[in-house]
Amino acid sequence: MQIETQQKGPFIVIGKEGSTAEGEGFIQRLWEDANSHFEEIQHLAKKDSDGNLVGIWGVMSDFSRSFQPWEDFSKGLYLAGAECEEGAEAPEGWVKWMVPGSEYKVVERENGNTFSEMLHYLKEQDLSLAGAVHDFICPQTGKNKLFFPVAKR
């Protein structure tokens, strides 16, 4: 497991919001909705100097919307969307979240155990989660990475 450290300032994600209260499969349904209506926010999406999308995010937060980890890692909110330009406003049917900046430990999702392996790694390194973990999909490679906001204990 290759782990990188990245600093990322606050950023905007506009996407489709859902909750674990909606039951099993809600995240997949959010992605289907976001992907099938992406043209509605495409003009708001942040792009690099070559015109490529900067990032597709699955952002998580607790129910208080304070970007803390999900309660028991099983109850919370999820936003499936794209990183957007500062000042972008969400069109009707979409939701805008301003994700706080943080230092992140970043790892590629290799299998279903990556999340728990990273929690173990953080504990070994005397680090704790400083907020909710986020999914990142690189538009150029399709690779899925997990962003763990960290703080020294």
C-alpha atoms as a PDB file:
ATOM      1  CA  MET A   1       0.000   0.000   0.000  1.00  0.00           C
ATOM      2  CA  GLN A   2       1.613   3.250  -1.153  1.00  0.00           C
ATOM      3  CA  ILE A   3       0.640   6.221   1.017  1.00  0.00           C
ATOM      4  CA  GLU A   4       1.168   9.848  -0.008  1.00  0.00           C
ATOM      5  CA  THR A   5       0.818  13.010   2.052  1.00  0.00           C
ATOM      6  CA  GLN A   6      -1.005  15.888   0.359  1.00  0.00           C
ATOM      7  CA  GLN A   7      -1.993  19.349   1.527  1.00  0.00           C
ATOM      8  CA  LYS A   8      -5.251  20.518  -0.006  1.00  0.00           C
ATOM      9  CA  GLY A   9      -6.923  23.830   0.716  1.00  0.00           C
ATOM     10  CA  PRO A  10     -10.693  24.260   0.938  1.00  0.00           C
ATOM     11  CA  PHE A  11     -12.504  23.215  -2.227  1.00  0.00           C
ATOM     12  CA  ILE A  12     -16.007  23.173  -3.663  1.00  0.00           C
ATOM     13  CA  VAL A  13     -17.862  20.057  -4.768  1.00  0.00           C
ATOM     14  CA  ILE A  14     -21.227  20.271  -6.487  1.00  0.00           C
ATOM     15  CA  GLY A  15     -23.069  16.994  -6.633  1.00  0.00           C
ATOM     16  CA  LYS A  16     -26.011  14.835  -5.691  1.00  0.00           C
ATOM     17  CA  GLU A  17     -26.498  14.430  -1.946  1.00  0.00           C
ATOM     18  CA  GLY A  18     -27.819  11.416  -0.128  1.00  0.00           C
ATOM     19  CA  SER A  19     -27.887   9.802   3.281  1.00  0.00           C
ATOM     20  CA  THR A  20     -27.296   6.373   4.738  1.00  0.00           C
ATOM     21  CA  ALA A  21     -30.926   6.638   5.939  1.00  0.00           C
ATOM     22  CA  GLU A  22     -31.905   5.991   2.288  1.00  0.00           C
ATOM     23  CA  GLY A  23     -30.741   2.407   2.657  1.00  0.00           C
ATOM     24  CA  GLU A  24     -28.334   0.052   0.975  1.00  0.00           C
ATOM     25  CA  GLY A  25     -27.112   1.081  -2.457  1.00  0.00           C
ATOM     26  CA  PHE A  26     -27.785   4.800  -1.975  1.00  0.00           C
ATOM     27  CA  ILE A  27     -24.226   5.770  -2.993  1.00  0.00           C
ATOM     28  CA  GLN A  28     -24.487   3.863  -6.267  1.00  0.00           C
ATOM     29  CA  ARG A  29     -27.836   5.548  -6.955  1.00  0.00           C
ATOM     30  CA  LEU A  30     -26.296   8.978  -6.286  1.00  0.00           C
ATOM     31  CA  TRP A  31     -23.494   8.287  -8.763  1.00  0.00           C
ATOM     32  CA  GLU A  32     -25.964   7.105 -11.390  1.00  0.00           C
ATOM     33  CA  ASP A  33     -27.980  10.317 -10.921  1.00  0.00           C
ATOM     34  CA  ALA A  34     -24.893  12.571 -10.964  1.00  0.00           C
ATOM     35  CA  ASN A  35     -23.379  10.875 -14.006  1.00  0.00           C
ATOM     36  CA  SER A  36     -26.596  10.887 -16.012  1.00  0.00           C
ATOM     37  CA  HIS A  37     -27.071  14.644 -15.419  1.00  0.00           C
ATOM     38  CA  PHE A  38     -23.426  15.747 -15.454  1.00  0.00           C
ATOM     39  CA  GLU A  39     -24.002  18.122 -18.373  1.00  0.00           C
ATOM     40  CA  GLU A  40     -25.952  20.337 -15.925  1.00  0.00           C
ATOM     41  CA  ILE A  41     -22.768  21.136 -13.967  1.00  0.00           C
ATOM     42  CA  GLN A  42     -20.057  20.458 -16.541  1.00  0.00           C
ATOM     43  CA  HIS A  43     -19.541  24.188 -17.166  1.00  0.00           C
ATOM     44  CA  LEU A  44     -18.940  24.716 -13.416  1.00  0.00           C
ATOM     45  CA  ALA A  45     -16.360  21.935 -13.037  1.00  0.00           C
ATOM     46  CA  LYS A  46     -12.802  22.973 -12.315  1.00  0.00           C
ATOM     47  CA  LYS A  47     -10.353  22.114 -15.093  1.00  0.00           C
ATOM     48  CA  ASP A  48      -6.567  22.000 -15.351  1.00  0.00           C
ATOM     49  CA  SER A  49      -4.524  23.977 -17.885  1.00  0.00           C
ATOM     50  CA  ASP A  50      -5.171  21.267 -20.513  1.00  0.00           C
ATOM     51  CA  GLY A  51      -8.945  21.468 -20.055  1.00  0.00           C
ATOM     52  CA  ASN A  52      -9.237  18.186 -18.118  1.00  0.00           C
ATOM     53  CA  LEU A  53     -11.509  17.845 -15.093  1.00  0.00           C
ATOM     54  CA  VAL A  54      -9.539  18.267 -11.865  1.00  0.00           C
ATOM     55  CA  GLY A  55     -11.455  15.716  -9.831  1.00  0.00           C
ATOM     56  CA  ILE A  56     -14.556  13.680  -9.221  1.00  0.00           C
ATOM     57  CA  TRP A  57     -15.346  13.386  -5.516  1.00  0.00           C
ATOM     58  CA  GLY A  58     -17.439  11.305  -3.193  1.00  0.00           C
ATOM     59  CA  VAL A  59     -17.393  13.614  -0.181  1.00  0.00           C
ATOM     60  CA  MET A  60     -18.602  12.427   3.201  1.00  0.00           C
ATOM     61  CA  SER A  61     -19.818  14.189   6.326  1.00  0.00           C
ATOM     62  CA  ASP A  62     -21.593  13.389   9.524  1.00  0.00           C
ATOM     63  CA  PHE A  63     -25.222  14.517   9.795  1.00  0.00           C
ATOM     64  CA  SER A  64     -24.210  17.857  11.359  1.00  0.00           C
ATOM     65  CA  ARG A  65     -22.509  18.762   8.039  1.00  0.00           C
ATOM     66  CA  SER A  66     -19.290  19.527   9.925  1.00  0.00           C
ATOM     67  CA  PHE A  67     -17.286  17.020   7.852  1.00  0.00           C
ATOM     68  CA  GLN A  68     -16.637  14.758  10.803  1.00  0.00           C
ATOM     69  CA  PRO A  69     -16.490  10.981  10.204  1.00  0.00           C
ATOM     70  CA  TRP A  70     -19.748   9.111   9.831  1.00  0.00           C
ATOM     71  CA  GLU A  71     -21.248   7.983  13.128  1.00  0.00           C
ATOM     72  CA  ASP A  72     -19.897   4.467  13.766  1.00  0.00           C
ATOM     73  CA  PHE A  73     -18.465   4.726  10.214  1.00  0.00           C
ATOM     74  CA  SER A  74     -21.934   3.684   9.050  1.00  0.00           C
ATOM     75  CA  LYS A  75     -24.290   6.693   9.327  1.00  0.00           C
ATOM     76  CA  GLY A  76     -23.878   9.973   7.506  1.00  0.00           C
ATOM     77  CA  LEU A  77     -24.133  12.041   4.338  1.00  0.00           C
ATOM     78  CA  TYR A  78     -22.499  11.525   0.938  1.00  0.00           C
ATOM     79  CA  LEU A  79     -22.130  13.924  -1.985  1.00  0.00           C
ATOM     80  CA  ALA A  80     -21.309  12.462  -5.410  1.00  0.00           C
ATOM     81  CA  GLY A  81     -20.000  15.174  -7.689  1.00  0.00           C
ATOM     82  CA  ALA A  82     -17.235  17.201  -9.273  1.00  0.00           C
ATOM     83  CA  GLU A  83     -14.754  19.689  -7.898  1.00  0.00           C
ATOM     84  CA  CYS A  84     -15.957  23.072  -9.104  1.00  0.00           C
ATOM     85  CA  GLU A  85     -14.647  26.584  -9.547  1.00  0.00           C
ATOM     86  CA  GLU A  86     -14.685  28.912  -6.555  1.00  0.00           C
ATOM     87  CA  GLY A  87     -17.903  30.915  -6.561  1.00  0.00           C
ATOM     88  CA  ALA A  88     -19.832  28.275  -8.536  1.00  0.00           C
ATOM     89  CA  GLU A  89     -23.463  27.943  -7.488  1.00  0.00           C
ATOM     90  CA  ALA A  90     -25.327  24.650  -7.557  1.00  0.00           C
ATOM     91  CA  PRO A  91     -28.133  24.476 -10.107  1.00  0.00           C
ATOM     92  CA  GLU A  92     -31.567  23.245  -9.059  1.00  0.00           C
ATOM     93  CA  GLY A  93     -31.451  19.617  -7.949  1.00  0.00           C
ATOM     94  CA  TRP A  94     -27.748  19.801  -7.054  1.00  0.00           C
ATOM     95  CA  VAL A  95     -26.010  20.573  -3.742  1.00  0.00           C
ATOM     96  CA  LYS A  96     -22.833  22.559  -3.085  1.00  0.00           C
ATOM     97  CA  TRP A  97     -20.437  21.675  -0.285  1.00  0.00           C
ATOM     98  CA  MET A  98     -17.356  23.673   0.703  1.00  0.00           C
ATOM     99  CA  VAL A  99     -14.924  21.011   1.890  1.00  0.00           C
ATOM    100  CA  PRO A 100     -12.435  22.275   4.483  1.00  0.00           C
ATOM    101  CA  GLY A 101      -8.742  22.137   3.688  1.00  0.00           C
ATOM    102  CA  SER A 102      -6.567  19.589   5.423  1.00  0.00           C
ATOM    103  CA  GLU A 103      -3.447  17.519   5.353  1.00  0.00           C
ATOM    104  CA  TYR A 104      -4.423  14.175   3.875  1.00  0.00           C
ATOM    105  CA  LYS A 105      -2.936  10.721   3.803  1.00  0.00           C
ATOM    106  CA  VAL A 106      -3.876   9.468   0.351  1.00  0.00           C
ATOM    107  CA  VAL A 107      -3.989   5.867  -0.779  1.00  0.00           C
ATOM    108  CA  GLU A 108      -5.294   4.119  -3.872  1.00  0.00           C
ATOM    109  CA  ARG A 109      -8.294   1.920  -3.136  1.00  0.00           C
ATOM    110  CA  GLU A 110      -6.869  -1.528  -3.877  1.00  0.00           C
ATOM    111  CA  ASN A 111      -9.578  -3.717  -2.360  1.00  0.00           C
ATOM    112  CA  GLY A 112     -12.383  -3.777   0.173  1.00  0.00           C
ATOM    113  CA  ASN A 113      -9.890  -3.720   3.053  1.00  0.00           C
ATOM    114  CA  THR A 114      -8.089  -0.499   2.123  1.00  0.00           C
ATOM    115  CA  PHE A 115     -10.176   1.640   4.487  1.00  0.00           C
ATOM    116  CA  SER A 116      -9.601  -0.547   7.570  1.00  0.00           C
ATOM    117  CA  GLU A 117      -5.914  -1.030   6.671  1.00  0.00           C
ATOM    118  CA  MET A 118      -5.494   2.753   6.560  1.00  0.00           C
ATOM    119  CA  LEU A 119      -7.192   3.201   9.939  1.00  0.00           C
ATOM    120  CA  HIS A 120      -4.711   0.675  11.351  1.00  0.00           C
ATOM    121  CA  TYR A 121      -1.818   2.536   9.678  1.00  0.00           C
ATOM    122  CA  LEU A 122      -2.968   5.868  11.151  1.00  0.00           C
ATOM    123  CA  LYS A 123      -3.084   4.377  14.630  1.00  0.00           C
ATOM    124  CA  GLU A 124       0.425   2.944  14.209  1.00  0.00           C
ATOM    125  CA  GLN A 125       1.684   6.376  13.105  1.00  0.00           C
ATOM    126  CA  ASP A 126       0.039   8.099  16.096  1.00  0.00           C
ATOM    127  CA  LEU A 127      -2.323   9.948  13.763  1.00  0.00           C
ATOM    128  CA  SER A 128      -6.071  10.348  14.081  1.00  0.00           C
ATOM    129  CA  LEU A 129      -8.799  11.278  11.648  1.00  0.00           C
ATOM    130  CA  ALA A 130      -9.385  15.025  11.613  1.00  0.00           C
ATOM    131  CA  GLY A 131     -12.594  14.598   9.627  1.00  0.00           C
ATOM    132  CA  ALA A 132     -14.491  12.369   7.245  1.00  0.00           C
ATOM    133  CA  VAL A 133     -12.668  10.334   4.603  1.00  0.00           C
ATOM    134  CA  HIS A 134     -13.377  11.247   0.965  1.00  0.00           C
ATOM    135  CA  ASP A 135     -13.383   9.241  -2.263  1.00  0.00           C
ATOM    136  CA  PHE A 136     -11.496  10.744  -5.190  1.00  0.00           C
ATOM    137  CA  ILE A 137     -11.652   9.503  -8.765  1.00  0.00           C
ATOM    138  CA  CYS A 138      -8.975  10.797 -11.107  1.00  0.00           C
ATOM    139  CA  PRO A 139     -10.720  11.710 -14.387  1.00  0.00           C
ATOM    140  CA  GLN A 140      -7.574  10.990 -16.428  1.00  0.00           C
ATOM    141  CA  THR A 141      -6.704   7.547 -15.009  1.00  0.00           C
ATOM    142  CA  GLY A 142      -9.994   6.394 -13.483  1.00  0.00           C
ATOM    143  CA  LYS A 143      -8.081   5.429 -10.316  1.00  0.00           C
ATOM    144  CA  ASN A 144      -9.989   5.666  -7.056  1.00  0.00           C
ATOM    145  CA  LYS A 145      -8.148   7.100  -4.073  1.00  0.00           C
ATOM    146  CA  LEU A 146      -9.160   7.634  -0.480  1.00  0.00           C
ATOM    147  CA  PHE A 147      -8.293  10.932   1.217  1.00  0.00           C
ATOM    148  CA  PHE A 148      -7.880  10.611   5.009  1.00  0.00           C
ATOM    149  CA  PRO A 149      -7.692  14.025   6.772  1.00  0.00           C
ATOM    150  CA  VAL A 150      -5.209  13.602   9.592  1.00  0.00           C
ATOM    151  CA  ALA A 151      -4.016  15.271  12.779  1.00  0.00           C
ATOM    152  CA  LYS A 152      -1.380  14.345  15.328  1.00  0.00           C
ATOM    153  CA  ARG A 153      -2.826  12.849  18.497  1.00  0.00           C
END
